[in-house]
Amino acid sequence: MSQRSYEVVEGFFVQERFRFADAYSRSFPPKALPPRFGLIDRSDDRWKVFRKKINQLNESSTARTQYKVFFIGRHGEGFHNVAEAKYGTKENGDGELIWGPDPELTTLGKEQAKAAHHAWKQERKFNIPIPGKLYCSPLTRAIHTNKITFDSIIPESQRTMIIEDLRETNGVHTCDKRRTRTYIEQTFPEFDIEEGFIEEDTLWDPEVRETHAEMDARMRRMLDMIFDKDQEQCDAVLRVMNHRQYILPTGGSYSNLI
């Protein structure tokens, strides 16, 4: 296991002001798309100031310390979200809708992704920095959400990388079984796929549901890769960062400085 430790740097985003795991948060859940992606600074030059502060942190840090800004988004509503309350998580469909394996976005899910796209367009007016790297789950609903969200926001030459480890809790639930590599390559040719990504989803187990500890280990591998390889998913990422729980609605996005 990596010896690196992760923590969220407080004082930049509104998410740090609330303890979302308490009873209050269950009664008043966070907004899917908080204004300015949660940035506390409301000034017109807020992102310029933010970028300057991040540069200062990295320039003044030791060789063993790095700071990175993460914009984390959840997929828009999928057919499995609609069907789960009625049918549970092991069915694949009811003859009219198909929600497993690997369901598509609903009409609402597509609108939620468009709302995230609009949020990025609005903040671009205030010079929000474009992500230097984009990573995505291999699940269809996440890829579609990423595609809609960043359409015309990032340059066409900048391609999102699909990562096997970057996915929801795995196992048992049919909605969490991904499609084949061939399907992903043919359906989303504008996306890159990480090296070593195999054809079939052998990680999904129809009988065993992944534990939080196992999921946290996956997210740690993901963070290690980002911090190790690139020098230039959600509750589990927060647990690894020792961050308080943040219940992100479908189609939601938020930011953190790590």
C-alpha atoms as a PDB file:
ATOM      1  CA  MET A   1       0.000   0.000   0.000  1.00  0.00           C
ATOM      2  CA  SER A   2       1.105   3.545  -0.780  1.00  0.00           C
ATOM      3  CA  GLN A   3       2.728   5.460   2.068  1.00  0.00           C
ATOM      4  CA  ARG A   4       1.325   8.732   0.766  1.00  0.00           C
ATOM      5  CA  SER A   5      -1.357  10.408   2.890  1.00  0.00           C
ATOM      6  CA  TYR A   6      -4.144  12.614   1.540  1.00  0.00           C
ATOM      7  CA  GLU A   7      -6.102  15.418   3.102  1.00  0.00           C
ATOM      8  CA  VAL A   8      -8.386  18.209   1.975  1.00  0.00           C
ATOM      9  CA  VAL A   9      -7.098  21.766   2.342  1.00  0.00           C
ATOM     10  CA  GLU A  10      -9.843  23.768   4.010  1.00  0.00           C
ATOM     11  CA  GLY A  11     -10.816  27.377   3.490  1.00  0.00           C
ATOM     12  CA  PHE A  12     -11.542  27.425  -0.237  1.00  0.00           C
ATOM     13  CA  PHE A  13     -14.868  25.652  -0.800  1.00  0.00           C
ATOM     14  CA  VAL A  14     -18.231  25.882   0.935  1.00  0.00           C
ATOM     15  CA  GLN A  15     -18.416  22.089   1.217  1.00  0.00           C
ATOM     16  CA  GLU A  16     -15.999  22.337   4.145  1.00  0.00           C
ATOM     17  CA  ARG A  17     -18.469  24.342   6.219  1.00  0.00           C
ATOM     18  CA  PHE A  18     -21.001  21.582   6.751  1.00  0.00           C
ATOM     19  CA  ARG A  19     -20.987  18.152   8.326  1.00  0.00           C
ATOM     20  CA  PHE A  20     -23.054  16.354   5.728  1.00  0.00           C
ATOM     21  CA  ALA A  21     -23.137  13.089   7.617  1.00  0.00           C
ATOM     22  CA  ASP A  22     -25.315  14.496  10.402  1.00  0.00           C
ATOM     23  CA  ALA A  23     -29.113  14.575  10.741  1.00  0.00           C
ATOM     24  CA  TYR A  24     -29.328  18.104   9.347  1.00  0.00           C
ATOM     25  CA  SER A  25     -27.809  17.077   6.042  1.00  0.00           C
ATOM     26  CA  ARG A  26     -30.282  14.242   5.634  1.00  0.00           C
ATOM     27  CA  SER A  27     -33.109  16.757   5.940  1.00  0.00           C
ATOM     28  CA  PHE A  28     -31.442  19.387   3.759  1.00  0.00           C
ATOM     29  CA  PRO A  29     -29.192  17.642   1.247  1.00  0.00           C
ATOM     30  CA  PRO A  30     -26.523  19.670  -0.610  1.00  0.00           C
ATOM     31  CA  LYS A  31     -27.306  21.185  -3.984  1.00  0.00           C
ATOM     32  CA  ALA A  32     -26.279  19.114  -6.982  1.00  0.00           C
ATOM     33  CA  LEU A  33     -24.457  22.098  -8.469  1.00  0.00           C
ATOM     34  CA  PRO A  34     -23.493  24.653  -5.814  1.00  0.00           C
ATOM     35  CA  PRO A  35     -22.762  28.140  -7.187  1.00  0.00           C
ATOM     36  CA  ARG A  36     -19.162  28.492  -8.409  1.00  0.00           C
ATOM     37  CA  PHE A  37     -18.768  24.724  -7.770  1.00  0.00           C
ATOM     38  CA  GLY A  38     -18.667  25.641  -4.098  1.00  0.00           C
ATOM     39  CA  LEU A  39     -15.874  28.223  -4.260  1.00  0.00           C
ATOM     40  CA  ILE A  40     -16.335  30.598  -1.308  1.00  0.00           C
ATOM     41  CA  ASP A  41     -14.899  33.634  -3.083  1.00  0.00           C
ATOM     42  CA  ARG A  42     -17.712  35.470  -4.922  1.00  0.00           C
ATOM     43  CA  SER A  43     -15.572  38.183  -6.546  1.00  0.00           C
ATOM     44  CA  ASP A  44     -15.344  38.563 -10.307  1.00  0.00           C
ATOM     45  CA  ASP A  45     -11.654  37.620 -10.252  1.00  0.00           C
ATOM     46  CA  ARG A  46     -12.266  34.642  -7.930  1.00  0.00           C
ATOM     47  CA  TRP A  47     -10.662  31.994 -10.128  1.00  0.00           C
ATOM     48  CA  LYS A  48      -7.624  34.165 -10.860  1.00  0.00           C
ATOM     49  CA  VAL A  49      -7.126  34.612  -7.114  1.00  0.00           C
ATOM     50  CA  PHE A  50      -7.713  30.903  -6.520  1.00  0.00           C
ATOM     51  CA  ARG A  51      -5.179  29.876  -9.164  1.00  0.00           C
ATOM     52  CA  LYS A  52      -2.601  32.237  -7.689  1.00  0.00           C
ATOM     53  CA  LYS A  53      -3.081  30.747  -4.213  1.00  0.00           C
ATOM     54  CA  ILE A  54      -2.701  27.192  -5.523  1.00  0.00           C
ATOM     55  CA  ASN A  55       0.494  28.141  -7.362  1.00  0.00           C
ATOM     56  CA  GLN A  56       1.833  29.705  -4.176  1.00  0.00           C
ATOM     57  CA  LEU A  57       1.053  26.561  -2.183  1.00  0.00           C
ATOM     58  CA  ASN A  58       2.923  24.351  -4.657  1.00  0.00           C
ATOM     59  CA  GLU A  59       5.860  26.723  -4.983  1.00  0.00           C
ATOM     60  CA  SER A  60       6.318  26.955  -1.215  1.00  0.00           C
ATOM     61  CA  SER A  61       5.771  23.244  -0.452  1.00  0.00           C
ATOM     62  CA  THR A  62       8.441  20.646   0.185  1.00  0.00           C
ATOM     63  CA  ALA A  63       9.491  18.184  -2.499  1.00  0.00           C
ATOM     64  CA  ARG A  64       7.269  15.533  -0.916  1.00  0.00           C
ATOM     65  CA  THR A  65       4.112  17.642  -0.911  1.00  0.00           C
ATOM     66  CA  GLN A  66       1.814  18.391  -3.855  1.00  0.00           C
ATOM     67  CA  TYR A  67      -1.471  20.253  -4.183  1.00  0.00           C
ATOM     68  CA  LYS A  68      -4.069  19.432  -6.827  1.00  0.00           C
ATOM     69  CA  VAL A  69      -7.591  20.682  -7.462  1.00  0.00           C
ATOM     70  CA  PHE A  70     -10.239  18.043  -8.086  1.00  0.00           C
ATOM     71  CA  PHE A  71     -13.590  18.707  -9.753  1.00  0.00           C
ATOM     72  CA  ILE A  72     -15.619  15.584  -8.949  1.00  0.00           C
ATOM     73  CA  GLY A  73     -18.898  14.857 -10.701  1.00  0.00           C
ATOM     74  CA  ARG A  74     -21.501  12.140 -10.325  1.00  0.00           C
ATOM     75  CA  HIS A  75     -23.275  10.657 -13.343  1.00  0.00           C
ATOM     76  CA  GLY A  76     -26.743  11.940 -14.232  1.00  0.00           C
ATOM     77  CA  GLU A  77     -29.797   9.880 -13.360  1.00  0.00           C
ATOM     78  CA  GLY A  78     -29.763   6.417 -14.946  1.00  0.00           C
ATOM     79  CA  PHE A  79     -32.642   4.032 -15.499  1.00  0.00           C
ATOM     80  CA  HIS A  80     -31.377   2.004 -12.548  1.00  0.00           C
ATOM     81  CA  ASN A  81     -31.959   4.981 -10.252  1.00  0.00           C
ATOM     82  CA  VAL A  82     -35.601   5.075 -11.350  1.00  0.00           C
ATOM     83  CA  ALA A  83     -36.147   1.324 -11.101  1.00  0.00           C
ATOM     84  CA  GLU A  84     -34.227   0.494  -7.931  1.00  0.00           C
ATOM     85  CA  ALA A  85     -36.893   1.605  -5.474  1.00  0.00           C
ATOM     86  CA  LYS A  86     -39.535  -0.539  -7.181  1.00  0.00           C
ATOM     87  CA  TYR A  87     -37.621  -3.615  -8.254  1.00  0.00           C
ATOM     88  CA  GLY A  88     -34.421  -3.726  -6.218  1.00  0.00           C
ATOM     89  CA  THR A  89     -30.897  -4.057  -7.590  1.00  0.00           C
ATOM     90  CA  LYS A  90     -30.632  -7.561  -9.047  1.00  0.00           C
ATOM     91  CA  GLU A  91     -33.114  -7.312 -11.907  1.00  0.00           C
ATOM     92  CA  ASN A  92     -32.110  -6.172 -15.398  1.00  0.00           C
ATOM     93  CA  GLY A  93     -35.429  -4.858 -16.746  1.00  0.00           C
ATOM     94  CA  ASP A  94     -39.216  -5.117 -16.761  1.00  0.00           C
ATOM     95  CA  GLY A  95     -39.922  -5.538 -20.472  1.00  0.00           C
ATOM     96  CA  GLU A  96     -40.161  -1.801 -21.069  1.00  0.00           C
ATOM     97  CA  LEU A  97     -37.012  -0.396 -19.472  1.00  0.00           C
ATOM     98  CA  ILE A  98     -33.527  -1.897 -19.298  1.00  0.00           C
ATOM     99  CA  TRP A  99     -31.383  -0.874 -16.354  1.00  0.00           C
ATOM    100  CA  GLY A 100     -28.831  -3.652 -16.119  1.00  0.00           C
ATOM    101  CA  PRO A 101     -26.126  -4.335 -16.917  1.00  0.00           C
ATOM    102  CA  ASP A 102     -24.706  -0.821 -17.300  1.00  0.00           C
ATOM    103  CA  PRO A 103     -27.834   1.320 -17.892  1.00  0.00           C
ATOM    104  CA  GLU A 104     -28.120   4.459 -19.998  1.00  0.00           C
ATOM    105  CA  LEU A 105     -29.033   7.934 -18.786  1.00  0.00           C
ATOM    106  CA  THR A 106     -32.679   8.873 -18.481  1.00  0.00           C
ATOM    107  CA  THR A 107     -33.999  12.064 -20.060  1.00  0.00           C
ATOM    108  CA  LEU A 108     -33.600  13.728 -16.667  1.00  0.00           C
ATOM    109  CA  GLY A 109     -30.040  12.376 -16.433  1.00  0.00           C
ATOM    110  CA  LYS A 110     -29.165  14.022 -19.733  1.00  0.00           C
ATOM    111  CA  GLU A 111     -30.669  17.295 -18.533  1.00  0.00           C
ATOM    112  CA  GLN A 112     -28.617  17.064 -15.349  1.00  0.00           C
ATOM    113  CA  ALA A 113     -25.456  16.654 -17.429  1.00  0.00           C
ATOM    114  CA  LYS A 114     -26.490  19.674 -19.500  1.00  0.00           C
ATOM    115  CA  ALA A 115     -26.917  21.648 -16.279  1.00  0.00           C
ATOM    116  CA  ALA A 116     -23.344  20.763 -15.316  1.00  0.00           C
ATOM    117  CA  HIS A 117     -22.240  21.868 -18.795  1.00  0.00           C
ATOM    118  CA  HIS A 118     -24.034  25.184 -18.299  1.00  0.00           C
ATOM    119  CA  ALA A 119     -22.356  25.636 -14.901  1.00  0.00           C
ATOM    120  CA  TRP A 120     -18.945  25.264 -16.537  1.00  0.00           C
ATOM    121  CA  LYS A 121     -19.884  27.743 -19.283  1.00  0.00           C
ATOM    122  CA  GLN A 122     -20.986  30.277 -16.678  1.00  0.00           C
ATOM    123  CA  GLU A 123     -17.785  29.975 -14.653  1.00  0.00           C
ATOM    124  CA  ARG A 124     -15.655  30.165 -17.798  1.00  0.00           C
ATOM    125  CA  LYS A 125     -16.818  33.795 -17.971  1.00  0.00           C
ATOM    126  CA  PHE A 126     -14.861  34.249 -14.743  1.00  0.00           C
ATOM    127  CA  ASN A 127     -11.857  32.245 -15.999  1.00  0.00           C
ATOM    128  CA  ILE A 128     -12.320  29.023 -14.075  1.00  0.00           C
ATOM    129  CA  PRO A 129      -9.268  26.873 -14.930  1.00  0.00           C
ATOM    130  CA  ILE A 130      -9.975  24.050 -17.361  1.00  0.00           C
ATOM    131  CA  PRO A 131      -8.986  20.657 -15.880  1.00  0.00           C
ATOM    132  CA  GLY A 132      -5.542  19.605 -17.042  1.00  0.00           C
ATOM    133  CA  LYS A 133      -6.579  15.949 -16.969  1.00  0.00           C
ATOM    134  CA  LEU A 134      -9.958  14.259 -17.149  1.00  0.00           C
ATOM    135  CA  TYR A 135     -10.727  10.761 -15.886  1.00  0.00           C
ATOM    136  CA  CYS A 136     -13.950   8.817 -16.150  1.00  0.00           C
ATOM    137  CA  SER A 137     -15.621   5.639 -14.976  1.00  0.00           C
ATOM    138  CA  PRO A 138     -16.048   2.888 -17.595  1.00  0.00           C
ATOM    139  CA  LEU A 139     -19.805   2.802 -16.939  1.00  0.00           C
ATOM    140  CA  THR A 140     -21.938   4.084 -19.803  1.00  0.00           C
ATOM    141  CA  ARG A 141     -23.931   6.552 -17.697  1.00  0.00           C
ATOM    142  CA  ALA A 142     -20.714   8.185 -16.483  1.00  0.00           C
ATOM    143  CA  ILE A 143     -19.160   8.396 -19.945  1.00  0.00           C
ATOM    144  CA  HIS A 144     -22.287  10.035 -21.377  1.00  0.00           C
ATOM    145  CA  THR A 145     -22.369  12.487 -18.460  1.00  0.00           C
ATOM    146  CA  ASN A 146     -18.707  13.384 -19.007  1.00  0.00           C
ATOM    147  CA  LYS A 147     -19.259  13.812 -22.738  1.00  0.00           C
ATOM    148  CA  ILE A 148     -22.244  16.137 -22.313  1.00  0.00           C
ATOM    149  CA  THR A 149     -20.684  18.106 -19.455  1.00  0.00           C
ATOM    150  CA  PHE A 150     -17.425  18.973 -21.203  1.00  0.00           C
ATOM    151  CA  ASP A 151     -18.710  19.336 -24.771  1.00  0.00           C
ATOM    152  CA  SER A 152     -17.046  22.494 -26.184  1.00  0.00           C
ATOM    153  CA  ILE A 153     -15.593  23.243 -22.726  1.00  0.00           C
ATOM    154  CA  ILE A 154     -12.298  21.448 -23.251  1.00  0.00           C
ATOM    155  CA  PRO A 155     -10.259  21.458 -26.499  1.00  0.00           C
ATOM    156  CA  GLU A 156     -11.011  18.607 -28.911  1.00  0.00           C
ATOM    157  CA  SER A 157      -7.398  17.516 -28.594  1.00  0.00           C
ATOM    158  CA  GLN A 158      -7.852  16.897 -24.851  1.00  0.00           C
ATOM    159  CA  ARG A 159      -9.231  13.404 -24.370  1.00  0.00           C
ATOM    160  CA  THR A 160     -10.771  11.910 -21.244  1.00  0.00           C
ATOM    161  CA  MET A 161      -9.120   8.731 -19.938  1.00  0.00           C
ATOM    162  CA  ILE A 162     -11.389   5.855 -18.891  1.00  0.00           C
ATOM    163  CA  ILE A 163     -10.066   4.133 -15.762  1.00  0.00           C
ATOM    164  CA  GLU A 164     -11.241   0.717 -14.519  1.00  0.00           C
ATOM    165  CA  ASP A 165     -10.776   1.587 -10.834  1.00  0.00           C
ATOM    166  CA  LEU A 166     -12.821   4.778 -11.112  1.00  0.00           C
ATOM    167  CA  ARG A 167     -16.273   3.274 -10.608  1.00  0.00           C
ATOM    168  CA  GLU A 168     -19.020   2.820  -8.050  1.00  0.00           C
ATOM    169  CA  THR A 169     -19.238   0.079  -5.449  1.00  0.00           C
ATOM    170  CA  ASN A 170     -18.974  -3.135  -7.439  1.00  0.00           C
ATOM    171  CA  GLY A 171     -20.667  -6.526  -7.362  1.00  0.00           C
ATOM    172  CA  VAL A 172     -24.169  -8.082  -7.089  1.00  0.00           C
ATOM    173  CA  HIS A 173     -26.084  -5.089  -8.469  1.00  0.00           C
ATOM    174  CA  THR A 174     -26.432  -5.624 -12.209  1.00  0.00           C
ATOM    175  CA  CYS A 175     -26.352  -1.883 -12.905  1.00  0.00           C
ATOM    176  CA  ASP A 176     -22.700  -1.821 -11.786  1.00  0.00           C
ATOM    177  CA  LYS A 177     -21.434  -4.325 -14.347  1.00  0.00           C
ATOM    178  CA  ARG A 178     -19.698  -2.485 -17.188  1.00  0.00           C
ATOM    179  CA  ARG A 179     -19.864  -3.276 -20.892  1.00  0.00           C
ATOM    180  CA  THR A 180     -17.020  -4.716 -22.945  1.00  0.00           C
ATOM    181  CA  ARG A 181     -13.937  -2.795 -23.962  1.00  0.00           C
ATOM    182  CA  THR A 182     -14.971  -3.255 -27.599  1.00  0.00           C
ATOM    183  CA  TYR A 183     -18.336  -1.609 -26.926  1.00  0.00           C
ATOM    184  CA  ILE A 184     -16.690   1.345 -25.179  1.00  0.00           C
ATOM    185  CA  GLU A 185     -14.123   1.815 -27.957  1.00  0.00           C
ATOM    186  CA  GLN A 186     -16.761   1.677 -30.698  1.00  0.00           C
ATOM    187  CA  THR A 187     -19.349   3.820 -28.915  1.00  0.00           C
ATOM    188  CA  PHE A 188     -17.004   6.454 -27.516  1.00  0.00           C
ATOM    189  CA  PRO A 189     -14.051   6.707 -29.942  1.00  0.00           C
ATOM    190  CA  GLU A 190     -13.198  10.192 -28.660  1.00  0.00           C
ATOM    191  CA  PHE A 191     -12.235   8.747 -25.257  1.00  0.00           C
ATOM    192  CA  ASP A 192      -8.963   7.056 -24.350  1.00  0.00           C
ATOM    193  CA  ILE A 193      -8.834   3.828 -22.350  1.00  0.00           C
ATOM    194  CA  GLU A 194      -6.111   3.108 -19.835  1.00  0.00           C
ATOM    195  CA  GLU A 195      -3.443   0.510 -20.599  1.00  0.00           C
ATOM    196  CA  GLY A 196      -4.325  -2.949 -19.300  1.00  0.00           C
ATOM    197  CA  PHE A 197      -8.098  -2.446 -19.542  1.00  0.00           C
ATOM    198  CA  ILE A 198      -9.415  -5.928 -20.473  1.00  0.00           C
ATOM    199  CA  GLU A 199     -12.365  -6.917 -22.658  1.00  0.00           C
ATOM    200  CA  GLU A 200     -14.791  -8.308 -20.060  1.00  0.00           C
ATOM    201  CA  ASP A 201     -15.697  -6.962 -16.631  1.00  0.00           C
ATOM    202  CA  THR A 202     -14.114  -9.646 -14.483  1.00  0.00           C
ATOM    203  CA  LEU A 203     -14.152  -7.387 -11.417  1.00  0.00           C
ATOM    204  CA  TRP A 204     -17.941  -7.583 -11.117  1.00  0.00           C
ATOM    205  CA  ASP A 205     -19.073 -10.538  -8.990  1.00  0.00           C
ATOM    206  CA  PRO A 206     -22.765 -11.582  -9.066  1.00  0.00           C
ATOM    207  CA  GLU A 207     -22.556 -12.975  -5.526  1.00  0.00           C
ATOM    208  CA  VAL A 208     -20.181 -10.677  -3.607  1.00  0.00           C
ATOM    209  CA  ARG A 209     -20.677  -6.971  -2.955  1.00  0.00           C
ATOM    210  CA  GLU A 210     -17.507  -4.903  -2.582  1.00  0.00           C
ATOM    211  CA  THR A 211     -16.818  -3.574   0.916  1.00  0.00           C
ATOM    212  CA  HIS A 212     -16.034   0.044   1.751  1.00  0.00           C
ATOM    213  CA  ALA A 213     -12.463  -0.971   2.575  1.00  0.00           C
ATOM    214  CA  GLU A 214     -12.032  -2.597  -0.849  1.00  0.00           C
ATOM    215  CA  MET A 215     -13.502   0.417  -2.584  1.00  0.00           C
ATOM    216  CA  ASP A 216     -11.256   2.754  -0.614  1.00  0.00           C
ATOM    217  CA  ALA A 217      -8.242   0.726  -1.766  1.00  0.00           C
ATOM    218  CA  ARG A 218      -9.318   1.258  -5.379  1.00  0.00           C
ATOM    219  CA  MET A 219      -9.700   4.983  -4.850  1.00  0.00           C
ATOM    220  CA  ARG A 220      -6.298   5.162  -3.192  1.00  0.00           C
ATOM    221  CA  ARG A 221      -4.759   3.484  -6.251  1.00  0.00           C
ATOM    222  CA  MET A 222      -6.495   6.103  -8.371  1.00  0.00           C
ATOM    223  CA  LEU A 223      -5.178   8.992  -6.300  1.00  0.00           C
ATOM    224  CA  ASP A 224      -1.692   7.471  -6.268  1.00  0.00           C
ATOM    225  CA  MET A 225      -1.760   7.247 -10.046  1.00  0.00           C
ATOM    226  CA  ILE A 226      -2.822  10.877 -10.405  1.00  0.00           C
ATOM    227  CA  PHE A 227      -0.169  12.184  -8.009  1.00  0.00           C
ATOM    228  CA  ASP A 228       2.609   9.835  -9.183  1.00  0.00           C
ATOM    229  CA  LYS A 229       2.112   9.644 -12.938  1.00  0.00           C
ATOM    230  CA  ASP A 230       0.579  13.000 -13.780  1.00  0.00           C
ATOM    231  CA  GLN A 231       3.002  15.492 -12.391  1.00  0.00           C
ATOM    232  CA  GLU A 232       1.658  18.212 -14.640  1.00  0.00           C
ATOM    233  CA  GLN A 233     -15.547   8.711  -7.516  1.00  0.00           C
ATOM    234  CA  CYS A 234     -17.032  10.076  -4.611  1.00  0.00           C
ATOM    235  CA  ASP A 235     -17.610   8.907  -1.053  1.00  0.00           C
ATOM    236  CA  ALA A 236     -14.633   6.565  -1.248  1.00  0.00           C
ATOM    237  CA  VAL A 237     -12.395   9.383  -2.463  1.00  0.00           C
ATOM    238  CA  LEU A 238     -13.553  11.476   0.484  1.00  0.00           C
ATOM    239  CA  ARG A 239     -12.891   8.671   2.964  1.00  0.00           C
ATOM    240  CA  VAL A 240      -9.360   8.224   1.621  1.00  0.00           C
ATOM    241  CA  MET A 241      -8.825  11.984   2.033  1.00  0.00           C
ATOM    242  CA  ASN A 242     -10.231  11.862   5.597  1.00  0.00           C
ATOM    243  CA  HIS A 243     -12.994  14.176   4.364  1.00  0.00           C
ATOM    244  CA  ARG A 244     -16.422  14.333   5.946  1.00  0.00           C
ATOM    245  CA  GLN A 245     -19.163  12.573   3.963  1.00  0.00           C
ATOM    246  CA  TYR A 246     -20.820  14.540   1.166  1.00  0.00           C
ATOM    247  CA  ILE A 247     -23.938  12.953  -0.358  1.00  0.00           C
ATOM    248  CA  LEU A 248     -23.700  14.026  -3.996  1.00  0.00           C
ATOM    249  CA  PRO A 249     -27.010  13.867  -5.931  1.00  0.00           C
ATOM    250  CA  THR A 250     -27.141  12.431  -9.459  1.00  0.00           C
ATOM    251  CA  GLY A 251     -25.661  14.904 -11.920  1.00  0.00           C
ATOM    252  CA  GLY A 252     -23.935  16.788  -9.111  1.00  0.00           C
ATOM    253  CA  SER A 253     -20.428  18.258  -9.040  1.00  0.00           C
ATOM    254  CA  TYR A 254     -18.197  19.712  -6.362  1.00  0.00           C
ATOM    255  CA  SER A 255     -14.587  20.775  -5.896  1.00  0.00           C
ATOM    256  CA  ASN A 256     -11.809  20.021  -3.445  1.00  0.00           C
ATOM    257  CA  LEU A 257      -8.212  21.055  -2.988  1.00  0.00           C
ATOM    258  CA  ILE A 258      -6.077  18.058  -1.995  1.00  0.00           C
END
